[in-house]
N, C-alpha and C. Protein backbone atom coordinates (compact mmCIF):
# COMPACT_ATOMS: atom_id res chain seq x y z
N UNK A 1 0.81 -1.17 0.00
CA UNK A 1 0.00 0.00 0.00
C UNK A 1 0.87 1.26 0.00
N UNK A 2 1.96 1.25 0.73
CA UNK A 2 2.85 2.40 0.79
C UNK A 2 3.47 2.68 -0.58
N UNK A 3 3.80 1.69 -1.32
CA UNK A 3 4.39 1.89 -2.64
C UNK A 3 3.37 2.47 -3.60
N UNK A 4 2.12 2.17 -3.45
CA UNK A 4 1.08 2.72 -4.30
C UNK A 4 0.88 4.21 -4.05
N UNK A 5 1.07 4.61 -2.82
CA UNK A 5 0.84 6.01 -2.48
C UNK A 5 1.89 6.94 -3.10
N UNK A 6 3.11 6.55 -3.18
CA UNK A 6 4.19 7.40 -3.69
C UNK A 6 4.51 7.15 -5.14
N UNK A 7 3.81 6.29 -5.78
CA UNK A 7 4.10 5.90 -7.14
C UNK A 7 3.89 7.06 -8.13
N UNK A 8 2.95 7.91 -8.00
CA UNK A 8 2.64 8.96 -8.97
C UNK A 8 3.30 10.29 -8.68
N UNK A 9 4.29 10.39 -7.78
CA UNK A 9 4.89 11.68 -7.41
C UNK A 9 6.26 11.91 -8.01
N UNK A 10 6.74 11.09 -8.90
CA UNK A 10 8.04 11.28 -9.52
C UNK A 10 8.08 12.58 -10.32
N UNK A 11 7.08 12.92 -11.01
CA UNK A 11 7.01 14.14 -11.82
C UNK A 11 7.01 15.40 -10.97
N UNK A 12 6.41 15.34 -9.81
CA UNK A 12 6.37 16.51 -8.94
C UNK A 12 7.77 16.88 -8.47
N UNK A 13 8.60 16.01 -8.14
CA UNK A 13 9.96 16.30 -7.66
C UNK A 13 10.77 16.94 -8.78
N UNK A 14 10.66 16.46 -9.97
CA UNK A 14 11.38 17.04 -11.11
C UNK A 14 10.89 18.46 -11.39
N UNK A 15 9.59 18.69 -11.27
CA UNK A 15 9.03 20.02 -11.50
C UNK A 15 9.50 21.01 -10.44
N UNK A 16 9.51 20.59 -9.19
CA UNK A 16 10.00 21.45 -8.12
C UNK A 16 11.47 21.80 -8.33
N UNK A 17 12.26 20.84 -8.72
CA UNK A 17 13.69 21.06 -8.97
C UNK A 17 13.88 22.04 -10.12
N UNK A 18 13.10 21.93 -11.16
CA UNK A 18 13.20 22.84 -12.30
C UNK A 18 12.83 24.26 -11.91
N UNK A 19 11.80 24.43 -11.07
CA UNK A 19 11.40 25.76 -10.61
C UNK A 19 12.50 26.39 -9.77
N UNK A 20 13.10 25.62 -8.87
CA UNK A 20 14.20 26.13 -8.04
C UNK A 20 15.39 26.51 -8.91
N UNK A 21 15.70 25.69 -9.89
CA UNK A 21 16.82 25.98 -10.80
C UNK A 21 16.56 27.26 -11.60
N UNK A 22 15.36 27.46 -12.07
CA UNK A 22 15.01 28.68 -12.81
C UNK A 22 15.09 29.90 -11.90
N UNK A 23 14.65 29.76 -10.65
CA UNK A 23 14.73 30.88 -9.69
C UNK A 23 16.19 31.26 -9.45
N UNK A 24 17.07 30.27 -9.30
CA UNK A 24 18.50 30.56 -9.13
C UNK A 24 19.07 31.28 -10.34
N UNK A 25 18.70 30.88 -11.52
CA UNK A 25 19.19 31.51 -12.75
C UNK A 25 18.71 32.95 -12.85
N UNK A 26 17.45 33.20 -12.50
CA UNK A 26 16.92 34.57 -12.54
C UNK A 26 17.65 35.46 -11.52
N UNK A 27 17.85 34.97 -10.30
CA UNK A 27 18.55 35.74 -9.29
C UNK A 27 19.98 36.02 -9.72
N UNK A 28 20.66 35.02 -10.27
CA UNK A 28 22.04 35.21 -10.76
C UNK A 28 22.09 36.23 -11.89
N UNK A 29 21.09 36.23 -12.76
CA UNK A 29 21.04 37.20 -13.87
C UNK A 29 20.88 38.62 -13.34
N UNK A 30 20.04 38.79 -12.32
CA UNK A 30 19.83 40.11 -11.74
C UNK A 30 21.12 40.61 -11.10
N UNK A 31 21.81 39.74 -10.34
CA UNK A 31 23.09 40.14 -9.73
C UNK A 31 24.14 40.47 -10.80
N UNK A 32 24.20 39.68 -11.86
CA UNK A 32 25.18 39.94 -12.93
C UNK A 32 24.90 41.28 -13.60
N UNK A 33 23.63 41.59 -13.86
CA UNK A 33 23.27 42.87 -14.46
C UNK A 33 23.65 44.03 -13.55
N UNK A 34 23.41 43.88 -12.25
CA UNK A 34 23.76 44.91 -11.27
C UNK A 34 25.27 45.14 -11.25
N UNK A 35 26.04 44.09 -11.23
CA UNK A 35 27.50 44.22 -11.20
C UNK A 35 28.02 44.86 -12.49
N UNK A 36 27.49 44.46 -13.63
CA UNK A 36 27.92 45.06 -14.90
C UNK A 36 27.53 46.53 -14.98
N UNK A 37 26.36 46.89 -14.49
CA UNK A 37 25.94 48.30 -14.51
C UNK A 37 26.83 49.13 -13.60
N UNK A 38 27.14 48.61 -12.43
CA UNK A 38 28.02 49.34 -11.50
C UNK A 38 29.41 49.50 -12.10
N UNK A 39 29.88 48.49 -12.81
CA UNK A 39 31.20 48.56 -13.44
C UNK A 39 31.26 49.63 -14.51
N UNK A 40 30.24 49.73 -15.35
CA UNK A 40 30.26 50.76 -16.39
C UNK A 40 30.10 52.16 -15.80
N UNK A 41 29.31 52.28 -14.73
CA UNK A 41 29.15 53.59 -14.08
C UNK A 41 30.47 54.03 -13.45
N UNK A 42 31.18 53.11 -12.80
CA UNK A 42 32.46 53.49 -12.18
C UNK A 42 33.50 53.79 -13.25
N UNK A 43 33.44 53.14 -14.39
CA UNK A 43 34.35 53.45 -15.49
C UNK A 43 34.12 54.87 -16.00
N UNK A 44 32.86 55.28 -16.13
CA UNK A 44 32.55 56.65 -16.55
C UNK A 44 33.04 57.67 -15.53
N UNK A 45 32.85 57.38 -14.24
CA UNK A 45 33.33 58.29 -13.19
C UNK A 45 34.86 58.38 -13.21
N UNK A 46 35.52 57.26 -13.43
CA UNK A 46 36.98 57.26 -13.51
C UNK A 46 37.47 58.08 -14.69
N UNK A 47 36.79 57.97 -15.81
CA UNK A 47 37.15 58.74 -17.00
C UNK A 47 36.98 60.24 -16.75
N UNK A 48 35.90 60.62 -16.07
CA UNK A 48 35.68 62.03 -15.73
C UNK A 48 36.78 62.54 -14.82
N UNK A 49 37.19 61.73 -13.86
CA UNK A 49 38.24 62.12 -12.93
C UNK A 49 39.58 62.30 -13.65
N UNK A 50 39.86 61.44 -14.61
CA UNK A 50 41.11 61.56 -15.37
C UNK A 50 41.13 62.85 -16.17
N UNK A 51 40.05 63.16 -16.85
CA UNK A 51 40.00 64.39 -17.64
C UNK A 51 40.07 65.64 -16.76
N UNK A 52 39.41 65.61 -15.61
CA UNK A 52 39.48 66.75 -14.69
C UNK A 52 40.90 66.91 -14.16
N UNK A 53 41.56 65.80 -13.86
CA UNK A 53 42.94 65.87 -13.40
C UNK A 53 43.88 66.41 -14.45
N UNK A 54 43.71 65.99 -15.68
CA UNK A 54 44.55 66.50 -16.77
C UNK A 54 44.36 67.99 -16.96
N UNK A 55 43.11 68.45 -16.86
CA UNK A 55 42.85 69.89 -17.00
C UNK A 55 43.53 70.68 -15.90
N UNK A 56 43.57 70.10 -14.71
CA UNK A 56 44.17 70.78 -13.57
C UNK A 56 45.68 70.86 -13.62
N UNK A 57 46.34 69.90 -14.24
CA UNK A 57 47.80 69.90 -14.23
C UNK A 57 48.42 70.45 -15.51
N UNK A 58 47.67 70.55 -16.56
CA UNK A 58 48.22 71.09 -17.79
C UNK A 58 48.42 72.59 -17.63
N UNK A 59 49.63 73.02 -17.92
CA UNK A 59 49.92 74.45 -17.82
C UNK A 59 49.21 75.16 -18.96
N UNK A 60 48.69 76.33 -18.67
CA UNK A 60 47.99 77.08 -19.71
C UNK A 60 48.85 78.20 -20.27
N UNK A 61 49.86 78.65 -19.51
CA UNK A 61 50.72 79.74 -19.96
C UNK A 61 52.19 79.35 -19.77
N UNK A 62 53.05 80.01 -20.53
CA UNK A 62 54.48 79.80 -20.36
C UNK A 62 55.21 81.13 -20.55
N UNK A 63 56.39 81.21 -19.94
CA UNK A 63 57.22 82.42 -20.05
C UNK A 63 57.88 82.42 -21.43
N UNK A 64 57.79 83.55 -22.10
CA UNK A 64 58.43 83.73 -23.41
C UNK A 64 59.41 84.89 -23.31
N UNK A 65 60.67 84.60 -23.49
CA UNK A 65 61.67 85.66 -23.44
C UNK A 65 62.22 85.85 -22.05
N UNK A 66 62.92 86.96 -21.88
CA UNK A 66 63.61 87.26 -20.63
C UNK A 66 62.65 87.79 -19.57
N UNK A 67 63.03 87.57 -18.32
CA UNK A 67 62.32 88.16 -17.19
C UNK A 67 63.15 89.37 -16.76
N UNK A 68 62.54 90.54 -16.81
CA UNK A 68 63.24 91.81 -16.55
C UNK A 68 62.78 92.37 -15.21
N UNK A 69 63.75 92.84 -14.42
CA UNK A 69 63.42 93.49 -13.14
C UNK A 69 63.87 94.94 -13.20
N UNK A 70 63.09 95.79 -12.59
CA UNK A 70 63.44 97.20 -12.44
C UNK A 70 63.77 97.43 -10.98
N UNK A 71 64.85 98.17 -10.72
CA UNK A 71 65.26 98.35 -9.34
C UNK A 71 65.61 99.78 -9.01
N UNK A 72 65.64 100.05 -7.72
CA UNK A 72 66.03 101.36 -7.18
C UNK A 72 66.39 101.15 -5.72
N UNK A 73 67.40 101.86 -5.26
CA UNK A 73 67.80 101.85 -3.85
C UNK A 73 68.04 100.43 -3.33
N UNK A 74 68.74 99.63 -4.08
CA UNK A 74 69.15 98.28 -3.69
C UNK A 74 67.99 97.30 -3.48
N UNK A 75 66.86 97.53 -4.16
CA UNK A 75 65.77 96.55 -4.13
C UNK A 75 65.00 96.59 -5.44
N UNK A 76 64.36 95.48 -5.74
CA UNK A 76 63.57 95.36 -6.97
C UNK A 76 62.24 96.07 -6.75
N UNK A 77 61.85 96.91 -7.71
CA UNK A 77 60.59 97.64 -7.60
C UNK A 77 59.47 96.99 -8.43
N UNK A 78 59.84 96.33 -9.54
CA UNK A 78 58.84 95.63 -10.35
C UNK A 78 59.54 94.55 -11.18
N UNK A 79 58.74 93.59 -11.61
CA UNK A 79 59.23 92.49 -12.44
C UNK A 79 58.33 92.40 -13.67
N UNK A 80 58.96 92.34 -14.85
CA UNK A 80 58.23 92.23 -16.11
C UNK A 80 58.43 90.83 -16.69
N UNK A 81 57.31 90.16 -17.01
CA UNK A 81 57.33 88.80 -17.54
C UNK A 81 56.46 88.76 -18.78
N UNK A 82 56.99 88.23 -19.88
CA UNK A 82 56.20 88.05 -21.11
C UNK A 82 55.64 86.64 -21.12
N UNK A 83 54.32 86.52 -21.30
CA UNK A 83 53.65 85.23 -21.27
C UNK A 83 52.90 84.98 -22.57
N UNK A 84 52.85 83.71 -22.93
CA UNK A 84 52.08 83.26 -24.08
C UNK A 84 51.34 82.00 -23.68
N UNK A 85 50.35 81.65 -24.45
CA UNK A 85 49.58 80.44 -24.23
C UNK A 85 50.40 79.24 -24.71
N UNK A 86 50.35 78.12 -24.00
CA UNK A 86 51.03 76.92 -24.47
C UNK A 86 50.26 76.36 -25.66
N UNK A 87 50.94 75.56 -26.47
CA UNK A 87 50.31 74.97 -27.64
C UNK A 87 49.11 74.12 -27.22
N UNK A 88 47.98 74.38 -27.79
CA UNK A 88 46.77 73.64 -27.49
C UNK A 88 46.09 74.05 -26.20
N UNK A 89 46.58 75.09 -25.55
CA UNK A 89 45.99 75.53 -24.28
C UNK A 89 44.71 76.31 -24.50
N UNK A 90 43.89 76.32 -23.48
CA UNK A 90 42.64 77.08 -23.50
C UNK A 90 42.95 78.56 -23.27
N UNK A 91 42.20 79.48 -23.89
CA UNK A 91 42.41 80.91 -23.64
C UNK A 91 42.26 81.26 -22.16
N UNK A 92 43.06 82.24 -21.71
CA UNK A 92 43.07 82.65 -20.30
C UNK A 92 42.57 84.09 -20.22
N UNK A 93 41.64 84.33 -19.29
CA UNK A 93 41.10 85.66 -19.07
C UNK A 93 42.15 86.50 -18.34
N UNK A 94 42.60 87.59 -18.98
CA UNK A 94 43.63 88.45 -18.39
C UNK A 94 43.08 89.85 -18.13
N UNK A 95 41.81 89.92 -17.81
CA UNK A 95 41.13 91.18 -17.53
C UNK A 95 41.75 91.85 -16.30
N UNK A 96 42.03 93.14 -16.38
CA UNK A 96 42.64 93.87 -15.26
C UNK A 96 41.58 94.45 -14.33
N UNK A 97 40.46 94.92 -14.88
CA UNK A 97 39.45 95.58 -14.04
C UNK A 97 38.76 94.61 -13.09
N UNK A 98 38.53 93.40 -13.51
CA UNK A 98 37.93 92.36 -12.67
C UNK A 98 38.77 91.09 -12.83
N UNK A 99 39.98 91.09 -12.25
CA UNK A 99 40.93 90.00 -12.55
C UNK A 99 40.51 88.65 -11.98
N UNK A 100 40.74 87.61 -12.77
CA UNK A 100 40.53 86.24 -12.32
C UNK A 100 41.87 85.55 -12.09
N UNK A 101 42.94 86.16 -12.56
CA UNK A 101 44.29 85.65 -12.32
C UNK A 101 44.74 86.14 -10.95
N UNK A 102 45.34 85.24 -10.18
CA UNK A 102 45.89 85.60 -8.88
C UNK A 102 47.41 85.53 -8.98
N UNK A 103 48.08 86.57 -8.50
CA UNK A 103 49.54 86.62 -8.55
C UNK A 103 50.06 86.64 -7.12
N UNK A 104 51.00 85.73 -6.82
CA UNK A 104 51.57 85.61 -5.48
C UNK A 104 53.10 85.76 -5.56
N UNK A 105 53.68 86.32 -4.49
CA UNK A 105 55.13 86.48 -4.39
C UNK A 105 55.60 85.77 -3.13
N UNK A 106 56.75 85.08 -3.25
CA UNK A 106 57.36 84.50 -2.05
C UNK A 106 58.86 84.38 -2.26
N UNK A 107 59.57 84.47 -1.14
CA UNK A 107 61.02 84.26 -1.14
C UNK A 107 61.40 83.60 0.17
N UNK A 108 62.69 83.51 0.45
CA UNK A 108 63.15 82.85 1.68
C UNK A 108 62.69 83.60 2.93
N UNK A 109 62.55 84.93 2.85
CA UNK A 109 62.12 85.72 4.01
C UNK A 109 60.62 85.64 4.26
N UNK A 110 59.86 85.42 3.21
CA UNK A 110 58.39 85.37 3.31
C UNK A 110 57.96 83.92 3.44
N UNK A 111 57.47 83.53 4.62
CA UNK A 111 57.04 82.15 4.83
C UNK A 111 55.75 81.84 4.08
N UNK A 112 54.85 82.81 4.02
CA UNK A 112 53.60 82.61 3.30
C UNK A 112 53.60 83.52 2.07
N UNK A 113 53.03 83.04 0.98
CA UNK A 113 52.98 83.87 -0.22
C UNK A 113 52.19 85.16 0.01
N UNK A 114 52.65 86.24 -0.63
CA UNK A 114 51.99 87.54 -0.53
C UNK A 114 51.30 87.81 -1.86
N UNK A 115 50.06 88.24 -1.81
CA UNK A 115 49.32 88.57 -3.03
C UNK A 115 49.89 89.85 -3.64
N UNK A 116 50.16 89.79 -4.94
CA UNK A 116 50.61 90.97 -5.68
C UNK A 116 49.36 91.54 -6.34
N UNK A 117 48.85 92.63 -5.76
CA UNK A 117 47.61 93.21 -6.26
C UNK A 117 47.83 94.23 -7.37
N UNK A 118 49.01 94.81 -7.40
CA UNK A 118 49.30 95.88 -8.35
C UNK A 118 50.06 95.31 -9.54
N UNK A 119 49.33 94.96 -10.59
CA UNK A 119 49.97 94.48 -11.80
C UNK A 119 49.25 95.02 -13.03
N UNK A 120 50.01 95.18 -14.09
CA UNK A 120 49.47 95.69 -15.35
C UNK A 120 49.86 94.73 -16.46
N UNK A 121 49.23 94.91 -17.59
CA UNK A 121 49.59 94.09 -18.75
C UNK A 121 49.67 94.97 -19.99
N UNK A 122 50.58 94.60 -20.86
CA UNK A 122 50.74 95.28 -22.14
C UNK A 122 50.71 94.21 -23.22
N UNK A 123 49.78 94.35 -24.14
CA UNK A 123 49.66 93.36 -25.21
C UNK A 123 50.72 93.66 -26.26
N UNK A 124 51.65 92.71 -26.44
CA UNK A 124 52.71 92.87 -27.44
C UNK A 124 52.25 92.36 -28.80
N UNK A 125 51.57 91.22 -28.83
CA UNK A 125 50.99 90.66 -30.04
C UNK A 125 49.61 90.15 -29.67
N UNK A 126 48.57 90.64 -30.33
CA UNK A 126 47.23 90.18 -29.99
C UNK A 126 46.15 90.92 -30.73
N UNK A 127 44.90 90.65 -30.33
CA UNK A 127 43.75 91.23 -31.01
C UNK A 127 43.01 92.26 -30.16
N UNK A 128 43.56 92.65 -29.00
CA UNK A 128 42.99 93.72 -28.22
C UNK A 128 41.91 93.34 -27.23
N UNK A 129 41.57 92.05 -27.13
CA UNK A 129 40.54 91.67 -26.15
C UNK A 129 41.19 91.27 -24.83
N UNK A 130 40.37 90.83 -23.88
CA UNK A 130 40.85 90.47 -22.54
C UNK A 130 41.19 88.99 -22.41
N UNK A 131 41.42 88.31 -23.52
CA UNK A 131 41.79 86.90 -23.49
C UNK A 131 43.18 86.71 -24.05
N UNK A 132 43.99 85.92 -23.37
CA UNK A 132 45.28 85.50 -23.90
C UNK A 132 45.01 84.24 -24.71
N UNK A 133 45.15 84.38 -26.03
CA UNK A 133 44.81 83.28 -26.93
C UNK A 133 46.06 82.82 -27.66
N UNK A 134 45.91 81.71 -28.38
CA UNK A 134 47.03 81.14 -29.12
C UNK A 134 47.60 82.17 -30.11
N UNK A 135 48.91 82.29 -30.10
CA UNK A 135 49.58 83.23 -31.00
C UNK A 135 49.74 84.63 -30.42
N UNK A 136 49.19 84.88 -29.25
CA UNK A 136 49.30 86.20 -28.63
C UNK A 136 50.43 86.21 -27.61
N UNK A 137 50.97 87.41 -27.36
CA UNK A 137 52.06 87.60 -26.40
C UNK A 137 51.73 88.82 -25.56
N UNK A 138 51.74 88.65 -24.23
CA UNK A 138 51.38 89.72 -23.30
C UNK A 138 52.49 89.89 -22.28
N UNK A 139 52.86 91.13 -22.01
CA UNK A 139 53.85 91.41 -20.98
C UNK A 139 53.13 91.86 -19.72
N UNK A 140 53.38 91.16 -18.63
CA UNK A 140 52.83 91.51 -17.33
C UNK A 140 53.90 92.23 -16.53
N UNK A 141 53.52 93.28 -15.82
CA UNK A 141 54.43 94.00 -14.95
C UNK A 141 53.86 93.92 -13.53
N UNK A 142 54.63 93.30 -12.63
CA UNK A 142 54.21 93.09 -11.25
C UNK A 142 54.97 94.04 -10.34
N UNK A 143 54.25 94.92 -9.66
CA UNK A 143 54.87 95.88 -8.75
C UNK A 143 55.14 95.21 -7.40
N UNK A 144 56.25 95.56 -6.78
CA UNK A 144 56.63 95.01 -5.48
C UNK A 144 56.26 95.95 -4.34
N UNK A 145 55.35 96.90 -4.59
CA UNK A 145 54.97 97.90 -3.57
C UNK A 145 54.39 97.28 -2.30
N UNK A 146 53.54 96.24 -2.44
CA UNK A 146 52.92 95.70 -1.24
C UNK A 146 53.68 94.50 -0.65
N UNK A 147 54.87 94.20 -1.18
CA UNK A 147 55.71 93.14 -0.62
C UNK A 147 56.48 93.74 0.56
N UNK A 148 56.41 93.09 1.72
CA UNK A 148 57.03 93.65 2.93
C UNK A 148 58.53 93.87 2.77
N UNK A 149 59.23 92.91 2.21
CA UNK A 149 60.66 93.11 1.95
C UNK A 149 60.94 92.71 0.51
N UNK A 150 60.93 93.71 -0.41
CA UNK A 150 61.18 93.41 -1.83
C UNK A 150 62.56 92.77 -1.98
N UNK A 151 62.74 91.98 -3.04
CA UNK A 151 64.03 91.30 -3.21
C UNK A 151 65.18 92.28 -3.36
N UNK A 152 66.25 91.98 -2.67
CA UNK A 152 67.48 92.78 -2.76
C UNK A 152 68.52 92.00 -3.54
N UNK A 153 69.80 92.33 -3.38
CA UNK A 153 70.86 91.61 -4.10
C UNK A 153 70.92 90.13 -3.71
N UNK A 154 71.21 89.29 -4.69
CA UNK A 154 71.36 87.84 -4.49
C UNK A 154 70.18 87.20 -3.77
N UNK A 155 68.98 87.58 -4.14
CA UNK A 155 67.77 87.03 -3.51
C UNK A 155 67.05 86.14 -4.51
N UNK A 156 66.78 84.92 -4.08
CA UNK A 156 65.99 84.02 -4.91
C UNK A 156 64.53 84.21 -4.54
N UNK A 157 63.66 84.37 -5.54
CA UNK A 157 62.24 84.57 -5.28
C UNK A 157 61.41 83.87 -6.34
N UNK A 158 60.12 83.75 -6.04
CA UNK A 158 59.17 83.09 -6.95
C UNK A 158 57.94 83.95 -7.10
N UNK A 159 57.52 84.13 -8.34
CA UNK A 159 56.22 84.76 -8.62
C UNK A 159 55.33 83.65 -9.18
N UNK A 160 54.21 83.43 -8.51
CA UNK A 160 53.25 82.42 -8.93
C UNK A 160 52.08 83.10 -9.61
N UNK A 161 51.77 82.66 -10.82
CA UNK A 161 50.63 83.20 -11.56
C UNK A 161 49.60 82.08 -11.62
N UNK A 162 48.46 82.32 -10.97
CA UNK A 162 47.43 81.28 -10.83
C UNK A 162 46.26 81.64 -11.74
N UNK A 163 46.12 80.92 -12.87
CA UNK A 163 44.96 81.17 -13.75
C UNK A 163 43.71 80.50 -13.17
N UNK A 164 42.52 80.84 -13.70
CA UNK A 164 41.29 80.25 -13.17
C UNK A 164 41.24 78.73 -13.36
N UNK A 165 41.86 78.21 -14.41
CA UNK A 165 41.95 76.76 -14.59
C UNK A 165 43.33 76.46 -15.17
N UNK A 166 43.79 75.28 -14.91
CA UNK A 166 45.12 74.90 -15.36
C UNK A 166 46.12 75.01 -14.22
N UNK A 167 47.35 74.68 -14.53
CA UNK A 167 48.39 74.64 -13.51
C UNK A 167 48.91 76.04 -13.18
N UNK A 168 49.46 76.16 -11.99
CA UNK A 168 50.08 77.40 -11.54
C UNK A 168 51.40 77.56 -12.27
N UNK A 169 51.63 78.75 -12.81
CA UNK A 169 52.90 79.05 -13.48
C UNK A 169 53.82 79.68 -12.45
N UNK A 170 54.96 79.03 -12.20
CA UNK A 170 55.93 79.55 -11.25
C UNK A 170 57.12 80.12 -12.00
N UNK A 171 57.43 81.38 -11.71
CA UNK A 171 58.58 82.05 -12.30
C UNK A 171 59.61 82.19 -11.18
N UNK A 172 60.62 81.33 -11.19
CA UNK A 172 61.68 81.35 -10.17
C UNK A 172 62.89 82.09 -10.74
N UNK A 173 63.34 83.11 -10.03
CA UNK A 173 64.49 83.89 -10.48
C UNK A 173 65.33 84.30 -9.28
N UNK A 174 66.58 84.72 -9.57
CA UNK A 174 67.50 85.22 -8.56
C UNK A 174 68.01 86.57 -9.02
N UNK A 175 68.03 87.52 -8.11
CA UNK A 175 68.53 88.86 -8.45
C UNK A 175 70.05 88.83 -8.51
N UNK A 176 70.64 89.71 -9.30
CA UNK A 176 72.11 89.76 -9.37
C UNK A 176 72.73 90.35 -8.10
N UNK A 177 74.06 90.37 -8.05
CA UNK A 177 74.78 90.86 -6.86
C UNK A 177 74.58 92.35 -6.65
N UNK A 178 74.35 93.09 -7.72
CA UNK A 178 74.12 94.53 -7.60
C UNK A 178 72.79 94.87 -8.29
N UNK A 179 71.93 95.57 -7.59
CA UNK A 179 70.63 95.98 -8.14
C UNK A 179 70.84 97.21 -9.01
N UNK A 180 70.36 97.11 -10.24
CA UNK A 180 70.46 98.23 -11.19
C UNK A 180 69.06 98.68 -11.59
N UNK A 181 68.99 99.74 -12.39
CA UNK A 181 67.69 100.26 -12.82
C UNK A 181 66.94 99.24 -13.66
N UNK A 182 67.61 98.52 -14.56
CA UNK A 182 67.00 97.48 -15.39
C UNK A 182 67.94 96.27 -15.41
N UNK A 183 67.39 95.09 -15.09
CA UNK A 183 68.20 93.87 -15.01
C UNK A 183 67.46 92.70 -15.64
N UNK A 184 68.22 91.81 -16.28
CA UNK A 184 67.65 90.55 -16.73
C UNK A 184 67.90 89.52 -15.64
N UNK A 185 66.84 88.86 -15.21
CA UNK A 185 66.97 87.89 -14.13
C UNK A 185 67.16 86.50 -14.68
N UNK A 186 67.95 85.73 -14.01
CA UNK A 186 68.23 84.33 -14.41
C UNK A 186 67.71 83.39 -13.37
């Protein structure tokens, strides 16, 4: 009698096993889709981070020609630097009335950089607008009036020009042994 009772249930066990197997496959498919979606999203975020990093480290300007210092009474009164855009660089806003460029001065005596607020620009080659673009050359003149101790003889100093985007341009120079009215700095 016991064998008669269980005789017709062979198909039920196979059906239950098939349903469980299909459920496992569906769950595995959902997890695989989730993992693949997360992978592509993180790849896009990584790509964005790489491009943002490249924009931040690529220099936008470079020094062209000599760096000239004007001096009086054994100290530098102003520094003139000619700048141009690097090849393939984005235009830089060089507006004087509402400047976006920040200029900082530091030397061995100055522990923290000092903002150089008094600077002018003279367009040597350009189209007359407030953008430094490819093929243009602009001379910046930075006054040392607000620097607590302007560079004297044999002083190494740095002028940092910080554009709104791109890398900081550092102009490192040393004054000669004797300060003259006009000097080329090396």
